[in-house]
Amino acid sequence: MKPQIHPDYHEITVVMTDGTQFKTRSTMGKAGDTLRLDIDPKTHPAWTGQQRMLDTGGQVAKFNKRFAGIGIKAGPTTGEKAAAPKADAPAKAAAKK
């Protein structure tokens, strides 16, 4: 290897989302630094097979707030009830003919 062109390769500590730790070698930071993971193989849907919304730092809430007024409302949202069709609507249509 040429001297002075490669980053320092040293030992760091990685902390998983459940608090477990392990040591590995990396070029990240300085020797002895700690890398805290937000997503790891124990929580990511690609490894767990479970689909769930990962909202890191409220990003989904920020997105929903920012783009709430854009688009056409296609139907009732969660928590709202759909308007029930009126029972006498066919009778009114027949009366108009």
N, C-alpha and C. Protein backbone atom coordinates (compact mmCIF):
# COMPACT_ATOMS: atom_id res chain seq x y z
N MET A 1 0.85 -1.19 0.00
CA MET A 1 0.00 0.00 0.00
C MET A 1 0.89 1.25 0.00
N LYS A 2 0.41 2.27 -0.70
CA LYS A 2 1.14 3.53 -0.70
C LYS A 2 0.91 4.22 0.64
N PRO A 3 1.93 4.79 1.20
CA PRO A 3 1.75 5.51 2.47
C PRO A 3 1.02 6.83 2.26
N GLN A 4 0.28 7.26 3.26
CA GLN A 4 -0.40 8.56 3.33
C GLN A 4 -1.63 8.69 2.44
N ILE A 5 -2.11 7.62 1.78
CA ILE A 5 -3.31 7.79 0.95
C ILE A 5 -4.52 7.01 1.47
N HIS A 6 -4.30 6.11 2.40
CA HIS A 6 -5.40 5.29 2.92
C HIS A 6 -5.86 5.81 4.28
N PRO A 7 -7.17 5.74 4.56
CA PRO A 7 -7.66 6.18 5.87
C PRO A 7 -7.19 5.23 6.98
N ASP A 8 -7.20 5.74 8.19
CA ASP A 8 -6.81 4.94 9.36
C ASP A 8 -7.84 3.85 9.61
N TYR A 9 -7.40 2.63 9.77
CA TYR A 9 -8.27 1.47 10.00
C TYR A 9 -8.10 1.07 11.46
N HIS A 10 -9.13 1.26 12.28
CA HIS A 10 -9.01 1.08 13.72
C HIS A 10 -10.24 0.37 14.29
N GLU A 11 -10.22 0.09 15.58
CA GLU A 11 -11.32 -0.63 16.24
C GLU A 11 -12.35 0.36 16.77
N ILE A 12 -13.66 0.06 16.52
CA ILE A 12 -14.77 0.85 17.06
C ILE A 12 -15.77 -0.10 17.71
N THR A 13 -16.70 0.46 18.47
CA THR A 13 -17.76 -0.32 19.10
C THR A 13 -19.07 -0.01 18.38
N VAL A 14 -19.82 -1.05 18.02
CA VAL A 14 -21.12 -0.90 17.38
C VAL A 14 -22.19 -1.30 18.39
N VAL A 15 -23.19 -0.42 18.59
CA VAL A 15 -24.28 -0.67 19.52
C VAL A 15 -25.55 -0.88 18.70
N MET A 16 -26.14 -2.07 18.83
CA MET A 16 -27.37 -2.42 18.11
C MET A 16 -28.56 -1.72 18.76
N THR A 17 -29.74 -1.81 18.12
CA THR A 17 -30.93 -1.14 18.64
C THR A 17 -31.40 -1.72 19.97
N ASP A 18 -31.11 -2.98 20.24
CA ASP A 18 -31.53 -3.58 21.51
C ASP A 18 -30.48 -3.41 22.61
N GLY A 19 -29.40 -2.70 22.32
CA GLY A 19 -28.38 -2.42 23.33
C GLY A 19 -27.18 -3.35 23.31
N THR A 20 -27.24 -4.44 22.55
CA THR A 20 -26.09 -5.33 22.46
C THR A 20 -24.96 -4.61 21.73
N GLN A 21 -23.73 -4.96 22.08
CA GLN A 21 -22.55 -4.31 21.52
C GLN A 21 -21.58 -5.34 20.97
N PHE A 22 -20.81 -4.90 19.99
CA PHE A 22 -19.69 -5.71 19.51
C PHE A 22 -18.62 -4.78 18.97
N LYS A 23 -17.42 -5.27 18.92
CA LYS A 23 -16.29 -4.50 18.41
C LYS A 23 -15.97 -4.97 17.00
N THR A 24 -15.62 -4.01 16.16
CA THR A 24 -15.23 -4.31 14.79
C THR A 24 -14.19 -3.29 14.36
N ARG A 25 -13.62 -3.50 13.20
CA ARG A 25 -12.64 -2.55 12.68
C ARG A 25 -13.29 -1.76 11.56
N SER A 26 -12.98 -0.45 11.51
CA SER A 26 -13.61 0.44 10.54
C SER A 26 -12.72 1.65 10.28
N THR A 27 -13.04 2.38 9.23
CA THR A 27 -12.37 3.65 8.96
C THR A 27 -13.20 4.82 9.49
N MET A 28 -14.37 4.54 10.11
CA MET A 28 -15.25 5.57 10.64
C MET A 28 -14.67 6.19 11.91
N GLY A 29 -14.70 7.50 12.02
CA GLY A 29 -14.31 8.18 13.24
C GLY A 29 -12.88 7.95 13.67
N LYS A 30 -12.73 7.92 15.01
CA LYS A 30 -11.41 7.70 15.61
C LYS A 30 -11.42 6.37 16.35
N ALA A 31 -10.26 5.91 16.72
CA ALA A 31 -10.16 4.66 17.48
C ALA A 31 -10.94 4.80 18.78
N GLY A 32 -11.78 3.81 19.09
CA GLY A 32 -12.56 3.81 20.32
C GLY A 32 -13.92 4.47 20.19
N ASP A 33 -14.27 5.06 19.04
CA ASP A 33 -15.58 5.69 18.86
C ASP A 33 -16.68 4.64 18.92
N THR A 34 -17.93 5.11 19.13
CA THR A 34 -19.09 4.24 19.20
C THR A 34 -20.05 4.59 18.06
N LEU A 35 -20.52 3.56 17.34
CA LEU A 35 -21.50 3.71 16.28
C LEU A 35 -22.81 3.14 16.80
N ARG A 36 -23.84 4.01 16.95
CA ARG A 36 -25.15 3.57 17.43
C ARG A 36 -26.07 3.43 16.22
N LEU A 37 -26.63 2.24 16.05
CA LEU A 37 -27.47 1.95 14.90
C LEU A 37 -28.93 2.28 15.17
N ASP A 38 -29.61 2.89 14.20
CA ASP A 38 -31.06 3.12 14.26
C ASP A 38 -31.80 1.93 13.70
N ILE A 39 -31.22 1.30 12.70
CA ILE A 39 -31.82 0.13 12.04
C ILE A 39 -30.74 -0.92 11.92
N ASP A 40 -31.09 -2.14 12.30
CA ASP A 40 -30.13 -3.23 12.20
C ASP A 40 -30.86 -4.50 11.78
N PRO A 41 -30.16 -5.60 11.57
CA PRO A 41 -30.83 -6.83 11.11
C PRO A 41 -31.92 -7.35 12.05
N LYS A 42 -31.94 -6.92 13.29
CA LYS A 42 -32.98 -7.38 14.23
C LYS A 42 -34.27 -6.59 14.06
N THR A 43 -34.22 -5.41 13.42
CA THR A 43 -35.40 -4.56 13.30
C THR A 43 -35.81 -4.26 11.87
N HIS A 44 -34.94 -4.43 10.90
CA HIS A 44 -35.25 -4.05 9.52
C HIS A 44 -36.14 -5.09 8.85
N PRO A 45 -37.19 -4.66 8.13
CA PRO A 45 -38.12 -5.60 7.50
C PRO A 45 -37.46 -6.53 6.48
N ALA A 46 -36.36 -6.13 5.89
CA ALA A 46 -35.69 -7.00 4.92
C ALA A 46 -35.20 -8.29 5.57
N TRP A 47 -34.86 -8.23 6.85
CA TRP A 47 -34.37 -9.42 7.56
C TRP A 47 -35.45 -10.06 8.42
N THR A 48 -36.39 -9.27 8.94
CA THR A 48 -37.39 -9.83 9.85
C THR A 48 -38.60 -10.37 9.12
N GLY A 49 -38.87 -9.87 7.91
CA GLY A 49 -40.05 -10.30 7.16
C GLY A 49 -41.32 -9.62 7.60
N GLN A 50 -41.25 -8.70 8.53
CA GLN A 50 -42.42 -7.98 9.02
C GLN A 50 -42.44 -6.60 8.39
N GLN A 51 -43.61 -6.16 7.95
CA GLN A 51 -43.76 -4.82 7.41
C GLN A 51 -44.25 -3.91 8.52
N ARG A 52 -43.54 -2.83 8.75
CA ARG A 52 -43.99 -1.83 9.71
C ARG A 52 -43.39 -0.49 9.32
N MET A 53 -44.00 0.57 9.79
CA MET A 53 -43.55 1.91 9.47
C MET A 53 -42.41 2.28 10.41
N LEU A 54 -41.26 2.60 9.85
CA LEU A 54 -40.13 3.04 10.64
C LEU A 54 -40.09 4.56 10.58
N ASP A 55 -40.37 5.23 11.68
CA ASP A 55 -40.41 6.68 11.71
C ASP A 55 -39.22 7.18 12.52
N THR A 56 -38.12 7.42 11.84
CA THR A 56 -36.91 7.87 12.50
C THR A 56 -36.96 9.39 12.61
N GLY A 57 -37.00 9.88 13.80
CA GLY A 57 -36.97 11.32 14.03
C GLY A 57 -38.20 12.05 13.53
N GLY A 58 -39.34 11.39 13.42
CA GLY A 58 -40.57 12.03 13.00
C GLY A 58 -40.62 12.38 11.53
N GLN A 59 -39.85 11.71 10.71
CA GLN A 59 -39.80 12.03 9.28
C GLN A 59 -41.14 11.78 8.59
N VAL A 60 -41.83 10.71 8.97
CA VAL A 60 -43.13 10.42 8.36
C VAL A 60 -44.14 11.50 8.75
N ALA A 61 -44.13 11.92 10.00
CA ALA A 61 -45.03 12.97 10.46
C ALA A 61 -44.73 14.29 9.74
N LYS A 62 -43.45 14.62 9.55
CA LYS A 62 -43.08 15.83 8.82
C LYS A 62 -43.57 15.76 7.38
N PHE A 63 -43.41 14.62 6.74
CA PHE A 63 -43.87 14.44 5.37
C PHE A 63 -45.37 14.62 5.27
N ASN A 64 -46.12 13.96 6.16
CA ASN A 64 -47.57 14.06 6.14
C ASN A 64 -48.04 15.49 6.38
N LYS A 65 -47.38 16.21 7.28
CA LYS A 65 -47.75 17.58 7.57
C LYS A 65 -47.46 18.48 6.36
N ARG A 66 -46.32 18.27 5.73
CA ARG A 66 -45.90 19.11 4.61
C ARG A 66 -46.79 18.92 3.38
N PHE A 67 -47.18 17.69 3.10
CA PHE A 67 -47.93 17.40 1.90
C PHE A 67 -49.40 17.05 2.17
N ALA A 68 -49.95 17.50 3.27
CA ALA A 68 -51.32 17.16 3.64
C ALA A 68 -52.34 17.72 2.66
N GLY A 69 -52.12 18.90 2.09
CA GLY A 69 -53.10 19.52 1.23
C GLY A 69 -52.99 19.18 -0.25
N ILE A 70 -52.01 18.37 -0.62
CA ILE A 70 -51.79 18.06 -2.03
C ILE A 70 -52.59 16.84 -2.42
N GLY A 71 -53.19 16.89 -3.60
CA GLY A 71 -53.89 15.73 -4.13
C GLY A 71 -55.38 15.78 -3.88
N ILE A 72 -56.04 14.79 -4.44
CA ILE A 72 -57.49 14.67 -4.31
C ILE A 72 -57.78 13.63 -3.25
N LYS A 73 -58.72 13.94 -2.40
CA LYS A 73 -59.10 13.00 -1.36
C LYS A 73 -59.91 11.89 -1.99
N ALA A 74 -59.37 10.68 -1.99
CA ALA A 74 -59.99 9.56 -2.69
C ALA A 74 -61.15 8.95 -1.92
N GLY A 75 -61.17 9.08 -0.65
CA GLY A 75 -62.21 8.45 0.14
C GLY A 75 -61.98 8.72 1.61
N PRO A 76 -62.71 8.03 2.45
CA PRO A 76 -62.54 8.26 3.88
C PRO A 76 -61.17 7.79 4.34
N THR A 77 -60.58 8.56 5.23
CA THR A 77 -59.30 8.17 5.80
C THR A 77 -59.56 7.34 7.04
N THR A 78 -58.52 6.84 7.63
CA THR A 78 -58.65 6.02 8.83
C THR A 78 -59.37 6.80 9.92
N GLY A 79 -60.35 6.21 10.52
CA GLY A 79 -61.06 6.85 11.61
C GLY A 79 -62.35 7.53 11.17
N GLU A 80 -62.52 7.76 9.85
CA GLU A 80 -63.74 8.37 9.36
C GLU A 80 -64.65 7.28 8.80
N LYS A 81 -65.96 7.53 8.89
CA LYS A 81 -66.91 6.58 8.33
C LYS A 81 -67.34 7.06 6.95
N ALA A 82 -67.53 6.14 6.06
CA ALA A 82 -68.02 6.48 4.73
C ALA A 82 -69.49 6.85 4.83
N ALA A 83 -69.92 7.79 4.01
CA ALA A 83 -71.33 8.19 4.01
C ALA A 83 -72.15 7.04 3.46
N ALA A 84 -73.19 6.69 4.17
CA ALA A 84 -74.06 5.58 3.75
C ALA A 84 -74.91 6.05 2.58
N PRO A 85 -75.12 5.21 1.58
CA PRO A 85 -75.97 5.61 0.45
C PRO A 85 -77.41 5.78 0.93
N LYS A 86 -78.08 6.75 0.33
CA LYS A 86 -79.46 7.03 0.73
C LYS A 86 -80.37 5.95 0.16
N ALA A 87 -81.28 5.49 0.99
CA ALA A 87 -82.16 4.39 0.59
C ALA A 87 -83.17 4.83 -0.46
N ASP A 88 -83.58 6.11 -0.46
CA ASP A 88 -84.60 6.55 -1.39
C ASP A 88 -84.02 7.11 -2.69
N ALA A 89 -82.74 7.03 -2.93
CA ALA A 89 -82.12 7.55 -4.15
C ALA A 89 -82.65 6.87 -5.39
N PRO A 90 -82.79 5.52 -5.46
CA PRO A 90 -83.35 4.90 -6.67
C PRO A 90 -84.79 5.32 -6.93
N ALA A 91 -85.55 5.54 -5.85
CA ALA A 91 -86.96 5.93 -6.02
C ALA A 91 -87.06 7.33 -6.63
N LYS A 92 -86.18 8.24 -6.20
CA LYS A 92 -86.18 9.60 -6.77
C LYS A 92 -85.78 9.57 -8.24
N ALA A 93 -84.79 8.72 -8.57
CA ALA A 93 -84.35 8.62 -9.97
C ALA A 93 -85.48 8.08 -10.84
N ALA A 94 -86.22 7.12 -10.35
CA ALA A 94 -87.33 6.54 -11.11
C ALA A 94 -88.46 7.56 -11.26
N ALA A 95 -88.67 8.40 -10.27
CA ALA A 95 -89.74 9.39 -10.31
C ALA A 95 -89.46 10.48 -11.33
N LYS A 96 -88.20 10.77 -11.59
CA LYS A 96 -87.83 11.81 -12.54
C LYS A 96 -88.05 11.37 -13.97
N LYS A 97 -88.10 10.08 -14.25
CA LYS A 97 -88.27 9.56 -15.63
C LYS A 97 -89.63 9.72 -16.12
